[in-house]
PDB file of N, CA and C in Angstrom:
ATOM      1  N   UNK A   1      12.485  -6.737  -7.671  1.00  0.00           N
ATOM      2  CA  UNK A   1      11.977  -6.322  -6.384  1.00  0.00           C
ATOM      3  C   UNK A   1      10.551  -6.839  -6.228  1.00  0.00           C
ATOM      4  N   UNK A   2      10.222  -7.226  -5.023  1.00  0.00           N
ATOM      5  CA  UNK A   2       8.875  -7.682  -4.698  1.00  0.00           C
ATOM      6  C   UNK A   2       8.121  -6.575  -3.969  1.00  0.00           C
ATOM      7  N   UNK A   3       6.835  -6.476  -4.265  1.00  0.00           N
ATOM      8  CA  UNK A   3       5.964  -5.500  -3.613  1.00  0.00           C
ATOM      9  C   UNK A   3       4.789  -6.239  -3.007  1.00  0.00           C
ATOM     10  N   UNK A   4       4.537  -5.969  -1.751  1.00  0.00           N
ATOM     11  CA  UNK A   4       3.407  -6.546  -1.042  1.00  0.00           C
ATOM     12  C   UNK A   4       2.356  -5.454  -0.898  1.00  0.00           C
ATOM     13  N   UNK A   5       1.159  -5.687  -1.428  1.00  0.00           N
ATOM     14  CA  UNK A   5       0.069  -4.720  -1.351  1.00  0.00           C
ATOM     15  C   UNK A   5      -0.919  -5.220  -0.299  1.00  0.00           C
ATOM     16  N   UNK A   6      -1.257  -4.338   0.651  1.00  0.00           N
ATOM     17  CA  UNK A   6      -2.098  -4.739   1.767  1.00  0.00           C
ATOM     18  C   UNK A   6      -3.060  -3.629   2.173  1.00  0.00           C
ATOM     19  N   UNK A   7      -4.124  -4.009   2.797  1.00  0.00           N
ATOM     20  CA  UNK A   7      -5.057  -3.055   3.379  1.00  0.00           C
ATOM     21  C   UNK A   7      -4.844  -2.906   4.877  1.00  0.00           C
ATOM     22  N   UNK A   8      -3.823  -3.568   5.409  1.00  0.00           N
ATOM     23  CA  UNK A   8      -3.519  -3.522   6.840  1.00  0.00           C
ATOM     24  C   UNK A   8      -2.742  -2.245   7.147  1.00  0.00           C
ATOM     25  N   UNK A   9      -3.443  -1.220   7.602  1.00  0.00           N
ATOM     26  CA  UNK A   9      -2.809   0.079   7.834  1.00  0.00           C
ATOM     27  C   UNK A   9      -1.888   0.098   9.052  1.00  0.00           C
ATOM     28  N   UNK A  10      -1.940  -0.915   9.902  1.00  0.00           N
ATOM     29  CA  UNK A  10      -1.055  -0.956  11.071  1.00  0.00           C
ATOM     30  C   UNK A  10       0.230  -1.738  10.810  1.00  0.00           C
ATOM     31  N   UNK A  11       0.342  -2.342   9.652  1.00  0.00           N
ATOM     32  CA  UNK A  11       1.509  -3.173   9.344  1.00  0.00           C
ATOM     33  C   UNK A  11       2.816  -2.391   9.458  1.00  0.00           C
ATOM     34  N   UNK A  12       2.804  -1.128   9.089  1.00  0.00           N
ATOM     35  CA  UNK A  12       4.037  -0.330   9.143  1.00  0.00           C
ATOM     36  C   UNK A  12       4.585  -0.205  10.555  1.00  0.00           C
ATOM     37  N   UNK A  13       3.708  -0.323  11.557  1.00  0.00           N
ATOM     38  CA  UNK A  13       4.146  -0.219  12.947  1.00  0.00           C
ATOM     39  C   UNK A  13       4.537  -1.578  13.521  1.00  0.00           C
ATOM     40  N   UNK A  14       4.217  -2.634  12.790  1.00  0.00           N
ATOM     41  CA  UNK A  14       4.466  -3.987  13.275  1.00  0.00           C
ATOM     42  C   UNK A  14       5.675  -4.647  12.622  1.00  0.00           C
ATOM     43  N   UNK A  15       6.141  -4.101  11.507  1.00  0.00           N
ATOM     44  CA  UNK A  15       7.232  -4.733  10.765  1.00  0.00           C
ATOM     45  C   UNK A  15       8.383  -3.765  10.552  1.00  0.00           C
ATOM     46  N   UNK A  16       9.587  -4.275  10.637  1.00  0.00           N
ATOM     47  CA  UNK A  16      10.788  -3.500  10.354  1.00  0.00           C
ATOM     48  C   UNK A  16      11.339  -3.989   9.022  1.00  0.00           C
ATOM     49  N   UNK A  17      11.412  -3.117   8.035  1.00  0.00           N
ATOM     50  CA  UNK A  17      11.867  -3.520   6.704  1.00  0.00           C
ATOM     51  C   UNK A  17      13.343  -3.247   6.457  1.00  0.00           C
ATOM     52  N   UNK A  18      14.059  -2.833   7.479  1.00  0.00           N
ATOM     53  CA  UNK A  18      15.477  -2.558   7.320  1.00  0.00           C
ATOM     54  C   UNK A  18      16.197  -3.773   6.764  1.00  0.00           C
ATOM     55  N   UNK A  19      16.909  -3.577   5.670  1.00  0.00           N
ATOM     56  CA  UNK A  19      17.675  -4.651   5.046  1.00  0.00           C
ATOM     57  C   UNK A  19      16.845  -5.627   4.226  1.00  0.00           C
ATOM     58  N   UNK A  20      15.580  -5.350   4.050  1.00  0.00           N
ATOM     59  CA  UNK A  20      14.707  -6.253   3.289  1.00  0.00           C
ATOM     60  C   UNK A  20      14.664  -5.857   1.820  1.00  0.00           C
ATOM     61  N   UNK A  21      14.358  -6.817   0.984  1.00  0.00           N
ATOM     62  CA  UNK A  21      14.237  -6.572  -0.457  1.00  0.00           C
ATOM     63  C   UNK A  21      12.782  -6.444  -0.866  1.00  0.00           C
ATOM     64  N   UNK A  22      11.948  -6.125   0.087  1.00  0.00           N
ATOM     65  CA  UNK A  22      10.506  -6.065  -0.108  1.00  0.00           C
ATOM     66  C   UNK A  22      10.020  -4.643   0.125  1.00  0.00           C
ATOM     67  N   UNK A  23       9.123  -4.179  -0.721  1.00  0.00           N
ATOM     68  CA  UNK A  23       8.434  -2.908  -0.506  1.00  0.00           C
ATOM     69  C   UNK A  23       6.987  -3.227  -0.146  1.00  0.00           C
ATOM     70  N   UNK A  24       6.384  -2.388   0.687  1.00  0.00           N
ATOM     71  CA  UNK A  24       5.000  -2.590   1.074  1.00  0.00           C
ATOM     72  C   UNK A  24       4.184  -1.377   0.657  1.00  0.00           C
ATOM     73  N   UNK A  25       3.116  -1.631  -0.071  1.00  0.00           N
ATOM     74  CA  UNK A  25       2.168  -0.584  -0.451  1.00  0.00           C
ATOM     75  C   UNK A  25       0.917  -0.806   0.389  1.00  0.00           C
ATOM     76  N   UNK A  26       0.570   0.194   1.175  1.00  0.00           N
ATOM     77  CA  UNK A  26      -0.569   0.119   2.072  1.00  0.00           C
ATOM     78  C   UNK A  26      -1.727   0.898   1.453  1.00  0.00           C
ATOM     79  N   UNK A  27      -2.849   0.232   1.288  1.00  0.00           N
ATOM     80  CA  UNK A  27      -4.047   0.870   0.761  1.00  0.00           C
ATOM     81  C   UNK A  27      -4.789   1.550   1.900  1.00  0.00           C
ATOM     82  N   UNK A  28      -5.291   2.748   1.655  1.00  0.00           N
ATOM     83  CA  UNK A  28      -5.992   3.475   2.713  1.00  0.00           C
ATOM     84  C   UNK A  28      -7.351   2.864   3.028  1.00  0.00           C
ATOM     85  N   UNK A  29      -7.837   2.011   2.148  1.00  0.00           N
ATOM     86  CA  UNK A  29      -9.125   1.353   2.326  1.00  0.00           C
ATOM     87  C   UNK A  29      -9.047  -0.016   1.656  1.00  0.00           C
ATOM     88  N   UNK A  30      -9.802  -0.975   2.133  1.00  0.00           N
ATOM     89  CA  UNK A  30      -9.785  -2.303   1.513  1.00  0.00           C
ATOM     90  C   UNK A  30     -11.169  -2.712   1.034  1.00  0.00           C
ATOM     91  N   UNK A  31     -11.921  -1.767   0.537  1.00  0.00           N
ATOM     92  CA  UNK A  31     -13.290  -1.973   0.094  1.00  0.00           C
ATOM     93  C   UNK A  31     -13.327  -1.851  -1.428  1.00  0.00           C
ATOM     94  N   UNK A  32     -13.592  -2.973  -2.115  1.00  0.00           N
ATOM     95  CA  UNK A  32     -13.492  -3.028  -3.572  1.00  0.00           C
ATOM     96  C   UNK A  32     -14.250  -1.927  -4.316  1.00  0.00           C
ATOM     97  N   UNK A  33     -15.488  -1.605  -3.971  1.00  0.00           N
ATOM     98  CA  UNK A  33     -16.179  -0.549  -4.708  1.00  0.00           C
ATOM     99  C   UNK A  33     -15.432   0.798  -4.698  1.00  0.00           C
ATOM    100  N   UNK A  34     -14.628   1.046  -3.688  1.00  0.00           N
ATOM    101  CA  UNK A  34     -13.801   2.262  -3.653  1.00  0.00           C
ATOM    102  C   UNK A  34     -12.500   2.030  -4.400  1.00  0.00           C
ATOM    103  N   UNK A  35     -11.841   0.907  -4.134  1.00  0.00           N
ATOM    104  CA  UNK A  35     -10.537   0.616  -4.743  1.00  0.00           C
ATOM    105  C   UNK A  35     -10.574   0.593  -6.270  1.00  0.00           C
ATOM    106  N   UNK A  36     -11.619   0.056  -6.837  1.00  0.00           N
ATOM    107  CA  UNK A  36     -11.674  -0.110  -8.287  1.00  0.00           C
ATOM    108  C   UNK A  36     -11.568   1.212  -9.032  1.00  0.00           C
ATOM    109  N   UNK A  37     -11.926   2.302  -8.389  1.00  0.00           N
ATOM    110  CA  UNK A  37     -11.841   3.614  -9.014  1.00  0.00           C
ATOM    111  C   UNK A  37     -10.480   4.274  -8.828  1.00  0.00           C
ATOM    112  N   UNK A  38      -9.576   3.622  -8.112  1.00  0.00           N
ATOM    113  CA  UNK A  38      -8.272   4.198  -7.795  1.00  0.00           C
ATOM    114  C   UNK A  38      -7.103   3.322  -8.261  1.00  0.00           C
ATOM    115  N   UNK A  39      -7.323   2.536  -9.279  1.00  0.00           N
ATOM    116  CA  UNK A  39      -6.266   1.644  -9.777  1.00  0.00           C
ATOM    117  C   UNK A  39      -5.023   2.430 -10.175  1.00  0.00           C
ATOM    118  N   UNK A  40      -5.199   3.599 -10.761  1.00  0.00           N
ATOM    119  CA  UNK A  40      -4.053   4.420 -11.163  1.00  0.00           C
ATOM    120  C   UNK A  40      -3.200   4.844  -9.985  1.00  0.00           C
ATOM    121  N   UNK A  41      -3.823   5.220  -8.885  1.00  0.00           N
ATOM    122  CA  UNK A  41      -3.078   5.602  -7.677  1.00  0.00           C
ATOM    123  C   UNK A  41      -2.328   4.414  -7.090  1.00  0.00           C
ATOM    124  N   UNK A  42      -2.959   3.256  -7.141  1.00  0.00           N
ATOM    125  CA  UNK A  42      -2.315   2.050  -6.610  1.00  0.00           C
ATOM    126  C   UNK A  42      -1.112   1.682  -7.466  1.00  0.00           C
ATOM    127  N   UNK A  43      -1.269   1.719  -8.771  1.00  0.00           N
ATOM    128  CA  UNK A  43      -0.146   1.424  -9.674  1.00  0.00           C
ATOM    129  C   UNK A  43       0.977   2.434  -9.510  1.00  0.00           C
ATOM    130  N   UNK A  44       0.638   3.711  -9.334  1.00  0.00           N
ATOM    131  CA  UNK A  44       1.665   4.743  -9.134  1.00  0.00           C
ATOM    132  C   UNK A  44       2.443   4.481  -7.847  1.00  0.00           C
ATOM    133  N   UNK A  45       1.755   4.061  -6.787  1.00  0.00           N
ATOM    134  CA  UNK A  45       2.432   3.742  -5.524  1.00  0.00           C
ATOM    135  C   UNK A  45       3.369   2.554  -5.698  1.00  0.00           C
ATOM    136  N   UNK A  46       2.936   1.560  -6.459  1.00  0.00           N
ATOM    137  CA  UNK A  46       3.790   0.397  -6.723  1.00  0.00           C
ATOM    138  C   UNK A  46       5.026   0.806  -7.513  1.00  0.00           C
ATOM    139  N   UNK A  47       4.866   1.694  -8.481  1.00  0.00           N
ATOM    140  CA  UNK A  47       5.991   2.117  -9.314  1.00  0.00           C
ATOM    141  C   UNK A  47       7.050   2.886  -8.533  1.00  0.00           C
ATOM    142  N   UNK A  48       6.652   3.686  -7.535  1.00  0.00           N
ATOM    143  CA  UNK A  48       7.633   4.465  -6.776  1.00  0.00           C
ATOM    144  C   UNK A  48       8.220   3.698  -5.599  1.00  0.00           C
ATOM    145  N   UNK A  49       7.604   2.580  -5.233  1.00  0.00           N
ATOM    146  CA  UNK A  49       8.066   1.795  -4.083  1.00  0.00           C
ATOM    147  C   UNK A  49       9.479   1.261  -4.313  1.00  0.00           C
ATOM    148  N   UNK A  50      10.243   1.252  -3.259  1.00  0.00           N
ATOM    149  CA  UNK A  50      11.611   0.740  -3.290  1.00  0.00           C
ATOM    150  C   UNK A  50      11.796  -0.243  -2.132  1.00  0.00           C
ATOM    151  N   UNK A  51      12.747  -1.155  -2.247  1.00  0.00           N
ATOM    152  CA  UNK A  51      12.976  -2.119  -1.165  1.00  0.00           C
ATOM    153  C   UNK A  51      13.149  -1.417   0.187  1.00  0.00           C
ATOM    154  N   UNK A  52      12.450  -1.921   1.187  1.00  0.00           N
ATOM    155  CA  UNK A  52      12.536  -1.363   2.525  1.00  0.00           C
ATOM    156  C   UNK A  52      11.581  -0.208   2.776  1.00  0.00           C
ATOM    157  N   UNK A  53      10.770   0.156   1.802  1.00  0.00           N
ATOM    158  CA  UNK A  53       9.851   1.290   1.944  1.00  0.00           C
ATOM    159  C   UNK A  53       8.439   0.828   2.255  1.00  0.00           C
ATOM    160  N   UNK A  54       7.717   1.703   2.947  1.00  0.00           N
ATOM    161  CA  UNK A  54       6.269   1.634   3.066  1.00  0.00           C
ATOM    162  C   UNK A  54       5.730   2.799   2.254  1.00  0.00           C
ATOM    163  N   UNK A  55       4.812   2.547   1.355  1.00  0.00           N
ATOM    164  CA  UNK A  55       4.188   3.592   0.547  1.00  0.00           C
ATOM    165  C   UNK A  55       2.680   3.476   0.738  1.00  0.00           C
ATOM    166  N   UNK A  56       2.028   4.610   0.964  1.00  0.00           N
ATOM    167  CA  UNK A  56       0.578   4.609   1.137  1.00  0.00           C
ATOM    168  C   UNK A  56      -0.088   5.037  -0.164  1.00  0.00           C
ATOM    169  N   UNK A  57      -1.050   4.251  -0.611  1.00  0.00           N
ATOM    170  CA  UNK A  57      -1.875   4.608  -1.762  1.00  0.00           C
ATOM    171  C   UNK A  57      -3.182   5.149  -1.203  1.00  0.00           C
ATOM    172  N   UNK A  58      -3.350   6.468  -1.266  1.00  0.00           N
ATOM    173  CA  UNK A  58      -4.533   7.108  -0.696  1.00  0.00           C
ATOM    174  C   UNK A  58      -5.715   6.962  -1.644  1.00  0.00           C
ATOM    175  N   UNK A  59      -6.602   6.065  -1.307  1.00  0.00           N
ATOM    176  CA  UNK A  59      -7.779   5.778  -2.139  1.00  0.00           C
ATOM    177  C   UNK A  59      -9.059   6.292  -1.489  1.00  0.00           C
ATOM    178  N   UNK A  60      -8.924   7.115  -0.494  1.00  0.00           N
ATOM    179  CA  UNK A  60     -10.085   7.628   0.200  1.00  0.00           C
ATOM    180  C   UNK A  60     -10.411   6.794   1.422  1.00  0.00           C
ATOM    181  N   UNK A  61     -11.620   6.978   1.908  1.00  0.00           N
ATOM    182  CA  UNK A  61     -12.060   6.259   3.107  1.00  0.00           C
ATOM    183  C   UNK A  61     -13.418   5.664   2.895  1.00  0.00           C
ATOM    184  N   UNK A  62     -13.695   4.606   3.616  1.00  0.00           N
ATOM    185  CA  UNK A  62     -14.992   3.956   3.576  1.00  0.00           C
ATOM    186  C   UNK A  62     -15.932   4.694   4.522  1.00  0.00           C
ATOM    187  N   UNK A  63     -17.110   4.994   4.034  1.00  0.00           N
ATOM    188  CA  UNK A  63     -18.121   5.578   4.926  1.00  0.00           C
ATOM    189  C   UNK A  63     -19.478   5.006   4.535  1.00  0.00           C
ATOM    190  N   UNK A  64     -20.355   4.925   5.472  1.00  0.00           N
ATOM    191  CA  UNK A  64     -21.682   4.364   5.228  1.00  0.00           C
ATOM    192  C   UNK A  64     -22.687   5.445   5.003  1.00  0.00           C
TER     193      UNK A  64
END
């Protein structure tokens, strides 16, 4: 199975995965200083992902 990891939070509304062999893991943020502390959550999301699924890896939010 292939997994596509993205920071594009709107992708789930733009793509239909019905019948696809691809899983998509959506990161809640795409800012490296935040992501690097959440590698375990990202890996866990990848492990539970199944073909045709969207899975969100909640890594927090970016704030200034």
